[in-house]
Every structure is written in C-alpha cells, then in structure tokens.
Amino acid sequence: MTQESLKIDLPQSDITFYPNFLSEEKATILMGTLQTTIAWQQDNITVFGKTYPQPRLTALYGNNGQPYSYSNITMYPHPFTKELEEVKTNIESLISTTVFSSCLLNLYRDGKDSNGWHADDEASLGKNPVIASLSLGEERFFHFKHKKDKTLKHKMLLTHGSLLVMKGSTQHNWLHQIPKTSRMIGERINLTFRVLL
C-alpha cells in the first residue's frame, strides 16, 4: 500500500506529513497499549528561572543507552518494547534514510497539557536531525514559526495515526509547539523517533 504524503511547503525546511500512516483501528490499539505499558514520568522543568511540573508526561525508550537532555532535564532510556520496535521499523522502511536509536514519548492528558515553542536542535541529535513524530488519540494543532522571520508561520492539525517527518535544516530555522486548548478533550500520545549520538 502506498502511503499518501503531503509536503509542507515552508522555506528552509524539509517537512512531510503522512495523514494515514496507521489505520484508525491500528492507531487505537497502539494507543491503548502505550497508555498502560509505558513508564510515564512527570519531570520538573525550569524556564526563565521558575521551576514547575512539565505540562505533560514523558518517557524515553532506546536501543543504545544514550540519555537525552533538554531544558535541564536528563532522561535515561528504557529498552524498546516490541510495539515501539515495530513502529520504528515501519517508519524506517517508509522514509528509508534513517535508523532511529531513540523514541521520546509525550502523553498530553487533556487540553491543558502542552509543549512550548522549541526546536529539536540539541547537539546530541546531530547537525540535521530527522525527527519522525507519530500522533495517537485526540487531534491537536501543531504550530510552526520561523526563528528569524516572524511573519512566517504555519498551523496544522495532527490527527489520530498521522506521521510528521521533519529533517534537513528544519530545526535550524523553525520552532514548533503544541499549544494549550480550552476545549474539553481527551488524551493524546505522540512518539518522536530520533537518533541520539
């Protein structure tokens, strides 16, 4: 089966969206498994000198033992589960450029959970990182804004079972976020596969 893909046309970026990477049935089954089997944690995050609980739950899984540090948080990986290994293999065969070593998972419990403006540009991810982000559960809006040209913005809806792949110079030039929403919504899980050096 050929995956439908949409190129996100933003300057100085390489972003592809696969709206139906997983069927609704497979996405729902995977979501239920991850909700109950992943070792979710909530770390404290320090922003502008203030420390507070991170507004989502997270977990790190991997196959090379590499920790991942961002925003003064250092996470240590659990071994890949068979479900994560299977998803990883399917994404790798789709994009055929990268073998991922790690998966950072985020659990957004409701609309108050969020992820502020950032780029995945830590040195441990390498010069031009490939980030493959699989969305499960509630739809959430995903925002881009250019680091230098504030007039360049983009908003897209990440749907149940969809895959967003960011590579090339994207992280050098663009920030992204999952903003809060006042709508009453349920849980969303997102799996971000990456290579940790």
N, C-alpha and C. Protein backbone atom coordinates (compact mmCIF):
# COMPACT_ATOMS: atom_id res chain seq x y z
N MET A 1 0.85 -1.19 0.00
CA MET A 1 0.00 0.00 0.00
C MET A 1 0.88 1.25 0.00
N THR A 2 0.63 2.18 -0.89
CA THR A 2 1.40 3.41 -0.96
C THR A 2 0.87 4.42 0.04
N GLN A 3 1.78 4.99 0.82
CA GLN A 3 1.38 6.00 1.80
C GLN A 3 1.13 7.34 1.14
N GLU A 4 -0.05 7.91 1.40
CA GLU A 4 -0.31 9.29 0.96
C GLU A 4 0.63 10.21 1.73
N SER A 5 1.29 11.13 1.02
CA SER A 5 2.19 12.07 1.70
C SER A 5 1.94 13.48 1.19
N LEU A 6 2.09 14.43 2.10
CA LEU A 6 1.91 15.84 1.78
C LEU A 6 3.17 16.58 2.18
N LYS A 7 3.76 17.29 1.22
CA LYS A 7 4.93 18.11 1.51
C LYS A 7 4.45 19.43 2.13
N ILE A 8 4.99 19.78 3.29
CA ILE A 8 4.63 21.05 3.92
C ILE A 8 5.57 22.12 3.34
N ASP A 9 4.99 23.05 2.62
CA ASP A 9 5.78 23.99 1.83
C ASP A 9 6.19 25.20 2.66
N LEU A 10 7.25 25.04 3.44
CA LEU A 10 7.80 26.13 4.23
C LEU A 10 9.26 26.34 3.81
N PRO A 11 9.71 27.59 3.65
CA PRO A 11 11.10 27.82 3.24
C PRO A 11 12.08 27.31 4.29
N GLN A 12 13.27 26.92 3.84
CA GLN A 12 14.35 26.47 4.72
C GLN A 12 13.90 25.31 5.61
N SER A 13 13.18 24.36 5.02
CA SER A 13 12.71 23.22 5.80
C SER A 13 12.55 22.01 4.88
N ASP A 14 12.38 20.85 5.49
CA ASP A 14 12.07 19.62 4.77
C ASP A 14 11.09 18.85 5.66
N ILE A 15 9.78 19.04 5.41
CA ILE A 15 8.74 18.51 6.29
C ILE A 15 7.72 17.75 5.44
N THR A 16 7.44 16.51 5.82
CA THR A 16 6.46 15.69 5.11
C THR A 16 5.44 15.15 6.10
N PHE A 17 4.17 15.17 5.70
CA PHE A 17 3.08 14.71 6.55
C PHE A 17 2.41 13.50 5.89
N TYR A 18 2.25 12.43 6.67
CA TYR A 18 1.56 11.22 6.21
C TYR A 18 0.27 11.10 7.03
N PRO A 19 -0.87 11.57 6.49
CA PRO A 19 -2.08 11.67 7.31
C PRO A 19 -2.64 10.33 7.77
N ASN A 20 -2.35 9.26 7.03
CA ASN A 20 -2.92 7.95 7.38
C ASN A 20 -1.82 6.90 7.53
N PHE A 21 -0.77 7.26 8.26
CA PHE A 21 0.33 6.29 8.43
C PHE A 21 -0.18 5.00 9.08
N LEU A 22 -1.02 5.13 10.11
CA LEU A 22 -1.66 3.96 10.72
C LEU A 22 -3.16 4.06 10.48
N SER A 23 -3.79 2.92 10.24
CA SER A 23 -5.25 2.91 10.15
C SER A 23 -5.83 3.29 11.50
N GLU A 24 -7.09 3.71 11.51
CA GLU A 24 -7.73 4.10 12.77
C GLU A 24 -7.72 2.94 13.76
N GLU A 25 -7.97 1.74 13.27
CA GLU A 25 -8.01 0.57 14.15
C GLU A 25 -6.63 0.32 14.78
N LYS A 26 -5.59 0.32 13.95
CA LYS A 26 -4.23 0.06 14.47
C LYS A 26 -3.80 1.17 15.43
N ALA A 27 -4.13 2.41 15.09
CA ALA A 27 -3.75 3.53 15.95
C ALA A 27 -4.44 3.43 17.31
N THR A 28 -5.70 3.02 17.32
CA THR A 28 -6.45 2.90 18.57
C THR A 28 -5.90 1.78 19.44
N ILE A 29 -5.56 0.65 18.82
CA ILE A 29 -4.97 -0.47 19.58
C ILE A 29 -3.63 -0.06 20.17
N LEU A 30 -2.78 0.60 19.36
CA LEU A 30 -1.47 1.02 19.84
C LEU A 30 -1.61 2.03 20.97
N MET A 31 -2.53 2.97 20.84
CA MET A 31 -2.75 3.96 21.90
C MET A 31 -3.10 3.27 23.22
N GLY A 32 -4.02 2.32 23.18
CA GLY A 32 -4.42 1.61 24.40
C GLY A 32 -3.25 0.87 25.04
N THR A 33 -2.41 0.27 24.22
CA THR A 33 -1.24 -0.46 24.74
C THR A 33 -0.25 0.50 25.40
N LEU A 34 0.03 1.62 24.73
CA LEU A 34 1.01 2.57 25.26
C LEU A 34 0.52 3.23 26.55
N GLN A 35 -0.78 3.48 26.65
CA GLN A 35 -1.32 4.10 27.86
C GLN A 35 -1.00 3.27 29.10
N THR A 36 -1.00 1.95 28.95
CA THR A 36 -0.88 1.08 30.12
C THR A 36 0.50 0.44 30.29
N THR A 37 1.34 0.45 29.25
CA THR A 37 2.61 -0.27 29.35
C THR A 37 3.84 0.64 29.42
N ILE A 38 3.69 1.91 29.05
CA ILE A 38 4.84 2.81 29.04
C ILE A 38 5.11 3.35 30.45
N ALA A 39 6.39 3.51 30.79
CA ALA A 39 6.79 4.02 32.12
C ALA A 39 6.75 5.55 32.11
N TRP A 40 5.53 6.09 32.18
CA TRP A 40 5.36 7.54 32.11
C TRP A 40 5.92 8.22 33.35
N GLN A 41 6.49 9.41 33.16
CA GLN A 41 7.01 10.20 34.29
C GLN A 41 6.68 11.67 34.05
N GLN A 42 6.68 12.43 35.15
CA GLN A 42 6.49 13.88 35.04
C GLN A 42 7.66 14.56 35.72
N ASP A 43 8.49 15.22 34.92
CA ASP A 43 9.67 15.91 35.43
C ASP A 43 9.35 17.36 35.71
N ASN A 44 10.17 17.97 36.55
CA ASN A 44 10.10 19.42 36.73
C ASN A 44 10.93 20.09 35.64
N ILE A 45 10.43 21.21 35.14
CA ILE A 45 11.13 21.95 34.10
C ILE A 45 11.37 23.37 34.59
N THR A 46 12.54 23.91 34.26
CA THR A 46 12.89 25.27 34.67
C THR A 46 12.94 26.17 33.45
N VAL A 47 12.08 27.19 33.45
CA VAL A 47 12.02 28.15 32.35
C VAL A 47 12.08 29.55 32.95
N PHE A 48 13.03 30.36 32.46
CA PHE A 48 13.21 31.73 32.95
C PHE A 48 13.32 31.77 34.48
N GLY A 49 14.06 30.80 35.04
CA GLY A 49 14.33 30.80 36.47
C GLY A 49 13.22 30.24 37.34
N LYS A 50 12.10 29.85 36.74
CA LYS A 50 10.99 29.28 37.52
C LYS A 50 10.88 27.79 37.23
N THR A 51 10.66 27.01 38.29
CA THR A 51 10.56 25.57 38.17
C THR A 51 9.12 25.13 38.43
N TYR A 52 8.60 24.28 37.56
CA TYR A 52 7.24 23.79 37.74
C TYR A 52 7.11 22.43 37.05
N PRO A 53 6.07 21.64 37.38
CA PRO A 53 5.91 20.34 36.72
C PRO A 53 5.68 20.51 35.23
N GLN A 54 6.39 19.73 34.44
CA GLN A 54 6.22 19.78 32.99
C GLN A 54 4.75 19.49 32.64
N PRO A 55 4.14 20.28 31.73
CA PRO A 55 2.71 20.13 31.47
C PRO A 55 2.38 18.98 30.52
N ARG A 56 2.92 17.81 30.80
CA ARG A 56 2.65 16.57 30.07
C ARG A 56 3.48 15.48 30.73
N LEU A 57 3.18 14.23 30.44
CA LEU A 57 4.00 13.12 30.90
C LEU A 57 4.93 12.70 29.77
N THR A 58 6.10 12.18 30.12
CA THR A 58 7.07 11.79 29.10
C THR A 58 7.69 10.43 29.44
N ALA A 59 8.36 9.86 28.46
CA ALA A 59 9.12 8.63 28.64
C ALA A 59 10.14 8.55 27.52
N LEU A 60 11.30 7.95 27.81
CA LEU A 60 12.34 7.77 26.80
C LEU A 60 12.65 6.28 26.67
N TYR A 61 12.64 5.81 25.42
CA TYR A 61 13.00 4.43 25.11
C TYR A 61 14.09 4.45 24.05
N GLY A 62 14.94 3.43 24.04
CA GLY A 62 16.02 3.42 23.06
C GLY A 62 16.74 2.10 23.02
N ASN A 63 17.73 2.02 22.12
CA ASN A 63 18.48 0.77 21.97
C ASN A 63 19.99 0.97 22.09
N ASN A 64 20.42 2.22 22.41
CA ASN A 64 21.87 2.41 22.53
C ASN A 64 22.28 3.01 23.89
N GLY A 65 21.35 3.06 24.83
CA GLY A 65 21.67 3.50 26.19
C GLY A 65 21.93 4.98 26.34
N GLN A 66 21.74 5.77 25.26
CA GLN A 66 22.07 7.19 25.32
C GLN A 66 20.99 7.98 26.07
N PRO A 67 21.38 8.73 27.10
CA PRO A 67 20.42 9.63 27.75
C PRO A 67 20.10 10.81 26.83
N TYR A 68 19.03 11.51 27.14
CA TYR A 68 18.62 12.68 26.35
C TYR A 68 18.38 13.83 27.31
N SER A 69 19.03 14.97 27.02
CA SER A 69 18.91 16.14 27.89
C SER A 69 18.31 17.31 27.13
N TYR A 70 17.32 17.97 27.77
CA TYR A 70 16.75 19.20 27.23
C TYR A 70 16.15 19.97 28.39
N SER A 71 16.22 21.30 28.34
CA SER A 71 15.63 22.19 29.37
C SER A 71 16.00 21.75 30.79
N ASN A 72 17.27 21.40 31.00
CA ASN A 72 17.78 20.98 32.32
C ASN A 72 17.15 19.68 32.82
N ILE A 73 16.59 18.90 31.92
CA ILE A 73 16.09 17.57 32.26
C ILE A 73 16.97 16.55 31.55
N THR A 74 17.39 15.51 32.26
CA THR A 74 18.11 14.40 31.62
C THR A 74 17.30 13.14 31.82
N MET A 75 16.95 12.50 30.72
CA MET A 75 16.17 11.26 30.75
C MET A 75 17.05 10.09 30.34
N TYR A 76 16.80 8.94 30.97
CA TYR A 76 17.56 7.73 30.67
C TYR A 76 16.61 6.70 30.05
N PRO A 77 17.07 6.03 28.98
CA PRO A 77 16.13 5.22 28.20
C PRO A 77 15.81 3.87 28.83
N HIS A 78 14.57 3.45 28.65
CA HIS A 78 14.15 2.06 28.84
C HIS A 78 14.38 1.35 27.51
N PRO A 79 14.57 0.02 27.54
CA PRO A 79 14.70 -0.71 26.26
C PRO A 79 13.41 -0.62 25.46
N PHE A 80 13.53 -0.56 24.13
CA PHE A 80 12.35 -0.54 23.26
C PHE A 80 11.41 -1.71 23.60
N THR A 81 10.13 -1.43 23.67
CA THR A 81 9.14 -2.51 23.74
C THR A 81 8.93 -3.07 22.33
N LYS A 82 8.28 -4.22 22.25
CA LYS A 82 8.06 -4.80 20.91
C LYS A 82 7.17 -3.91 20.06
N GLU A 83 6.21 -3.22 20.70
CA GLU A 83 5.34 -2.30 19.94
C GLU A 83 6.13 -1.12 19.37
N LEU A 84 6.99 -0.53 20.19
CA LEU A 84 7.81 0.59 19.72
C LEU A 84 8.78 0.14 18.63
N GLU A 85 9.35 -1.04 18.81
CA GLU A 85 10.28 -1.58 17.81
C GLU A 85 9.57 -1.78 16.47
N GLU A 86 8.33 -2.25 16.52
CA GLU A 86 7.57 -2.47 15.29
C GLU A 86 7.26 -1.16 14.59
N VAL A 87 6.81 -0.15 15.35
CA VAL A 87 6.53 1.16 14.76
C VAL A 87 7.80 1.76 14.17
N LYS A 88 8.88 1.67 14.89
CA LYS A 88 10.18 2.19 14.44
C LYS A 88 10.57 1.57 13.10
N THR A 89 10.46 0.26 12.99
CA THR A 89 10.82 -0.44 11.76
C THR A 89 9.94 0.00 10.59
N ASN A 90 8.64 0.19 10.85
CA ASN A 90 7.73 0.62 9.79
C ASN A 90 8.03 2.03 9.30
N ILE A 91 8.39 2.92 10.24
CA ILE A 91 8.75 4.29 9.84
C ILE A 91 10.06 4.28 9.06
N GLU A 92 11.02 3.51 9.53
CA GLU A 92 12.32 3.43 8.83
C GLU A 92 12.15 2.92 7.40
N SER A 93 11.27 1.94 7.20
CA SER A 93 11.09 1.42 5.84
C SER A 93 10.35 2.43 4.96
N LEU A 94 9.54 3.30 5.58
CA LEU A 94 8.82 4.32 4.81
C LEU A 94 9.76 5.42 4.34
N ILE A 95 10.59 5.93 5.25
CA ILE A 95 11.42 7.08 4.87
C ILE A 95 12.81 6.67 4.39
N SER A 96 13.23 5.46 4.69
CA SER A 96 14.43 4.79 4.14
C SER A 96 15.71 5.63 4.15
N THR A 97 15.83 6.55 5.12
CA THR A 97 17.07 7.32 5.21
C THR A 97 17.72 7.19 6.59
N THR A 98 16.97 6.74 7.57
CA THR A 98 17.43 6.83 8.94
C THR A 98 17.11 5.56 9.71
N VAL A 99 18.05 5.14 10.58
CA VAL A 99 17.78 4.08 11.55
C VAL A 99 17.75 4.75 12.92
N PHE A 100 16.59 4.79 13.54
CA PHE A 100 16.42 5.52 14.79
C PHE A 100 16.96 4.73 15.98
N SER A 101 17.52 5.45 16.94
CA SER A 101 18.04 4.81 18.15
C SER A 101 17.18 5.08 19.37
N SER A 102 16.29 6.08 19.29
CA SER A 102 15.56 6.51 20.48
C SER A 102 14.14 6.96 20.12
N CYS A 103 13.28 6.90 21.14
CA CYS A 103 11.92 7.40 20.99
C CYS A 103 11.55 8.16 22.27
N LEU A 104 11.28 9.45 22.12
CA LEU A 104 10.77 10.25 23.23
C LEU A 104 9.25 10.30 23.07
N LEU A 105 8.54 9.82 24.09
CA LEU A 105 7.08 9.80 24.04
C LEU A 105 6.52 10.90 24.92
N ASN A 106 5.43 11.52 24.48
CA ASN A 106 4.72 12.54 25.25
C ASN A 106 3.27 12.12 25.41
N LEU A 107 2.75 12.25 26.62
CA LEU A 107 1.33 11.99 26.88
C LEU A 107 0.68 13.30 27.33
N TYR A 108 -0.20 13.80 26.48
CA TYR A 108 -0.97 15.02 26.79
C TYR A 108 -2.30 14.56 27.36
N ARG A 109 -2.50 14.79 28.67
CA ARG A 109 -3.66 14.22 29.36
C ARG A 109 -4.97 14.93 29.01
N ASP A 110 -4.88 16.21 28.71
CA ASP A 110 -6.07 16.99 28.34
C ASP A 110 -5.58 18.26 27.64
N GLY A 111 -6.50 19.20 27.40
CA GLY A 111 -6.13 20.40 26.66
C GLY A 111 -5.20 21.33 27.41
N LYS A 112 -5.07 21.15 28.72
CA LYS A 112 -4.15 22.00 29.49
C LYS A 112 -2.69 21.56 29.32
N ASP A 113 -2.49 20.31 28.94
CA ASP A 113 -1.13 19.85 28.69
C ASP A 113 -0.65 20.38 27.35
N SER A 114 0.64 20.72 27.28
CA SER A 114 1.14 21.42 26.10
C SER A 114 2.65 21.20 25.98
N ASN A 115 3.21 21.77 24.92
CA ASN A 115 4.65 21.75 24.68
C ASN A 115 4.99 23.10 24.05
N GLY A 116 5.75 23.95 24.77
CA GLY A 116 6.01 25.31 24.32
C GLY A 116 6.95 25.38 23.13
N TRP A 117 7.14 26.61 22.64
CA TRP A 117 7.99 26.83 21.46
C TRP A 117 9.39 26.27 21.69
N HIS A 118 9.87 25.47 20.75
CA HIS A 118 11.22 24.92 20.84
C HIS A 118 11.62 24.38 19.46
N ALA A 119 12.91 24.10 19.33
CA ALA A 119 13.43 23.35 18.18
C ALA A 119 14.15 22.13 18.73
N ASP A 120 14.08 21.04 18.00
CA ASP A 120 14.82 19.84 18.39
C ASP A 120 16.24 19.97 17.83
N ASP A 121 17.02 20.83 18.50
CA ASP A 121 18.34 21.16 17.96
C ASP A 121 19.47 20.93 18.95
N GLU A 122 19.23 20.06 19.93
CA GLU A 122 20.31 19.73 20.87
C GLU A 122 21.47 19.07 20.12
N ALA A 123 22.69 19.31 20.62
CA ALA A 123 23.88 18.76 19.95
C ALA A 123 23.82 17.24 19.84
N SER A 124 23.18 16.59 20.81
CA SER A 124 23.12 15.12 20.82
C SER A 124 22.29 14.56 19.67
N LEU A 125 21.53 15.42 18.97
CA LEU A 125 20.72 14.96 17.85
C LEU A 125 21.44 15.07 16.51
N GLY A 126 22.65 15.66 16.51
CA GLY A 126 23.41 15.79 15.28
C GLY A 126 23.06 17.07 14.53
N LYS A 127 23.73 17.27 13.39
CA LYS A 127 23.63 18.55 12.68
C LYS A 127 22.26 18.77 12.04
N ASN A 128 21.78 17.81 11.28
CA ASN A 128 20.48 17.93 10.60
C ASN A 128 19.59 16.75 11.01
N PRO A 129 19.02 16.81 12.22
CA PRO A 129 18.31 15.64 12.74
C PRO A 129 17.05 15.31 11.96
N VAL A 130 16.76 14.02 11.90
CA VAL A 130 15.49 13.53 11.37
C VAL A 130 14.61 13.21 12.57
N ILE A 131 13.46 13.86 12.65
CA ILE A 131 12.50 13.63 13.74
C ILE A 131 11.22 13.11 13.11
N ALA A 132 10.81 11.90 13.50
CA ALA A 132 9.57 11.31 12.98
C ALA A 132 8.58 11.23 14.12
N SER A 133 7.47 11.95 13.99
CA SER A 133 6.52 12.12 15.09
C SER A 133 5.17 11.49 14.73
N LEU A 134 4.81 10.44 15.47
CA LEU A 134 3.55 9.73 15.26
C LEU A 134 2.53 10.20 16.30
N SER A 135 1.34 10.60 15.84
CA SER A 135 0.28 11.09 16.73
C SER A 135 -0.81 10.05 16.93
N LEU A 136 -1.24 9.90 18.18
CA LEU A 136 -2.31 8.97 18.53
C LEU A 136 -3.30 9.68 19.45
N GLY A 137 -4.58 9.36 19.30
CA GLY A 137 -5.57 9.93 20.21
C GLY A 137 -6.14 11.24 19.69
N GLU A 138 -6.40 12.15 20.63
CA GLU A 138 -7.05 13.42 20.29
C GLU A 138 -6.25 14.22 19.26
N GLU A 139 -6.96 14.86 18.35
CA GLU A 139 -6.30 15.76 17.41
C GLU A 139 -5.82 17.00 18.16
N ARG A 140 -4.61 17.45 17.83
CA ARG A 140 -4.09 18.70 18.39
C ARG A 140 -3.46 19.52 17.28
N PHE A 141 -3.56 20.85 17.42
CA PHE A 141 -2.90 21.73 16.46
C PHE A 141 -1.41 21.80 16.76
N PHE A 142 -0.63 21.85 15.68
CA PHE A 142 0.83 21.90 15.74
C PHE A 142 1.23 23.18 15.02
N HIS A 143 1.95 24.05 15.69
CA HIS A 143 2.31 25.35 15.13
C HIS A 143 3.79 25.39 14.78
N PHE A 144 4.10 26.01 13.66
CA PHE A 144 5.48 26.35 13.28
C PHE A 144 5.64 27.86 13.27
N LYS A 145 6.80 28.37 13.64
CA LYS A 145 7.15 29.76 13.35
C LYS A 145 8.64 29.84 13.06
N HIS A 146 8.99 30.69 12.09
CA HIS A 146 10.37 30.84 11.67
C HIS A 146 11.16 31.54 12.77
N LYS A 147 12.42 31.13 12.96
CA LYS A 147 13.23 31.70 14.04
C LYS A 147 13.56 33.17 13.80
N LYS A 148 13.72 33.57 12.53
CA LYS A 148 14.13 34.96 12.24
C LYS A 148 13.01 35.80 11.65
N ASP A 149 12.28 35.23 10.69
CA ASP A 149 11.21 35.98 10.03
C ASP A 149 9.88 35.68 10.72
N LYS A 150 9.46 36.58 11.62
CA LYS A 150 8.28 36.33 12.44
C LYS A 150 6.98 36.32 11.63
N THR A 151 7.04 36.74 10.35
CA THR A 151 5.84 36.70 9.52
C THR A 151 5.58 35.29 8.98
N LEU A 152 6.59 34.42 9.06
CA LEU A 152 6.44 33.06 8.53
C LEU A 152 5.90 32.14 9.63
N LYS A 153 4.66 31.71 9.46
CA LYS A 153 4.01 30.84 10.44
C LYS A 153 3.19 29.78 9.70
N HIS A 154 2.93 28.68 10.39
CA HIS A 154 2.11 27.63 9.79
C HIS A 154 1.43 26.86 10.92
N LYS A 155 0.18 26.45 10.68
CA LYS A 155 -0.57 25.68 11.67
C LYS A 155 -1.17 24.47 10.97
N MET A 156 -1.07 23.30 11.60
CA MET A 156 -1.64 22.10 11.01
C MET A 156 -2.24 21.23 12.10
N LEU A 157 -3.20 20.39 11.71
CA LEU A 157 -3.87 19.51 12.66
C LEU A 157 -3.24 18.13 12.58
N LEU A 158 -2.73 17.66 13.72
CA LEU A 158 -2.15 16.32 13.79
C LEU A 158 -3.24 15.34 14.21
N THR A 159 -3.53 14.40 13.34
CA THR A 159 -4.67 13.51 13.52
C THR A 159 -4.23 12.14 14.02
N HIS A 160 -5.21 11.36 14.49
CA HIS A 160 -5.01 10.01 15.03
C HIS A 160 -4.39 9.11 13.96
N GLY A 161 -3.17 8.62 14.23
CA GLY A 161 -2.50 7.73 13.28
C GLY A 161 -1.65 8.43 12.25
N SER A 162 -1.51 9.76 12.35
CA SER A 162 -0.71 10.51 11.36
C SER A 162 0.76 10.58 11.77
N LEU A 163 1.61 10.78 10.76
CA LEU A 163 3.05 10.84 10.97
C LEU A 163 3.59 12.13 10.35
N LEU A 164 4.37 12.87 11.12
CA LEU A 164 5.03 14.08 10.64
C LEU A 164 6.54 13.86 10.69
N VAL A 165 7.21 14.05 9.56
CA VAL A 165 8.66 13.85 9.49
C VAL A 165 9.33 15.19 9.19
N MET A 166 10.21 15.61 10.09
CA MET A 166 10.99 16.85 9.92
C MET A 166 12.45 16.47 9.75
N LYS A 167 13.10 17.01 8.71
CA LYS A 167 14.52 16.70 8.52
C LYS A 167 15.23 17.86 7.85
N GLY A 168 16.47 17.61 7.39
CA GLY A 168 17.25 18.67 6.74
C GLY A 168 17.50 19.82 7.70
N SER A 169 17.30 21.05 7.21
CA SER A 169 17.62 22.24 8.01
C SER A 169 16.43 22.74 8.84
N THR A 170 15.37 21.95 8.93
CA THR A 170 14.14 22.39 9.61
C THR A 170 14.42 22.93 11.01
N GLN A 171 15.17 22.17 11.82
CA GLN A 171 15.38 22.57 13.23
C GLN A 171 16.28 23.79 13.36
N HIS A 172 17.09 24.07 12.33
CA HIS A 172 17.93 25.28 12.35
C HIS A 172 17.08 26.54 12.20
N ASN A 173 15.98 26.42 11.48
CA ASN A 173 15.25 27.61 11.05
C ASN A 173 13.85 27.77 11.64
N TRP A 174 13.30 26.70 12.21
CA TRP A 174 11.91 26.73 12.65
C TRP A 174 11.75 26.27 14.10
N LEU A 175 10.85 26.93 14.82
CA LEU A 175 10.38 26.48 16.13
C LEU A 175 9.02 25.83 15.95
N HIS A 176 8.66 24.95 16.88
CA HIS A 176 7.32 24.35 16.83
C HIS A 176 6.77 24.19 18.24
N GLN A 177 5.45 24.05 18.33
CA GLN A 177 4.81 23.88 19.63
C GLN A 177 3.47 23.15 19.48
N ILE A 178 3.02 22.58 20.61
CA ILE A 178 1.64 22.10 20.76
C ILE A 178 1.02 23.00 21.83
N PRO A 179 0.19 23.98 21.45
CA PRO A 179 -0.33 24.92 22.44
C PRO A 179 -1.46 24.31 23.26
N LYS A 180 -1.72 24.95 24.39
CA LYS A 180 -2.89 24.58 25.20
C LYS A 180 -4.16 24.87 24.42
N THR A 181 -5.24 24.19 24.80
CA THR A 181 -6.56 24.50 24.23
C THR A 181 -7.59 24.48 25.35
N SER A 182 -8.58 25.34 25.26
CA SER A 182 -9.63 25.39 26.28
C SER A 182 -10.72 24.37 26.01
N ARG A 183 -10.64 23.70 24.85
CA ARG A 183 -11.64 22.68 24.53
C ARG A 183 -11.51 21.49 25.48
N MET A 184 -12.62 20.86 25.81
CA MET A 184 -12.61 19.65 26.62
C MET A 184 -12.22 18.48 25.72
N ILE A 185 -11.00 17.99 25.87
CA ILE A 185 -10.53 16.90 25.01
C ILE A 185 -9.85 15.82 25.84
N GLY A 186 -9.72 14.66 25.24
CA GLY A 186 -9.09 13.53 25.90
C GLY A 186 -7.60 13.46 25.65
N GLU A 187 -7.05 12.29 25.85
CA GLU A 187 -5.60 12.12 25.81
C GLU A 187 -5.06 12.04 24.39
N ARG A 188 -3.82 12.52 24.26
CA ARG A 188 -3.05 12.37 23.02
C ARG A 188 -1.68 11.84 23.39
N ILE A 189 -1.22 10.86 22.65
CA ILE A 189 0.16 10.36 22.81
C ILE A 189 0.90 10.66 21.52
N ASN A 190 2.14 11.14 21.67
CA ASN A 190 2.96 11.29 20.47
C ASN A 190 4.31 10.65 20.69
N LEU A 191 4.75 9.94 19.66
CA LEU A 191 6.03 9.21 19.68
C LEU A 191 6.97 9.95 18.75
N THR A 192 8.09 10.42 19.27
CA THR A 192 9.05 11.13 18.42
C THR A 192 10.33 10.30 18.32
N PHE A 193 10.49 9.69 17.17
CA PHE A 193 11.67 8.86 16.92
C PHE A 193 12.81 9.77 16.45
N ARG A 194 14.01 9.46 16.93
CA ARG A 194 15.17 10.30 16.64
C ARG A 194 16.45 9.47 16.78
N VAL A 195 17.56 10.04 16.36
CA VAL A 195 18.88 9.40 16.54
C VAL A 195 19.62 10.20 17.60
N LEU A 196 20.00 9.53 18.69
CA LEU A 196 20.81 10.18 19.72
C LEU A 196 22.25 9.73 19.55
N LEU A 197 23.15 10.70 19.41
CA LEU A 197 24.57 10.39 19.17
C LEU A 197 25.31 10.16 20.48
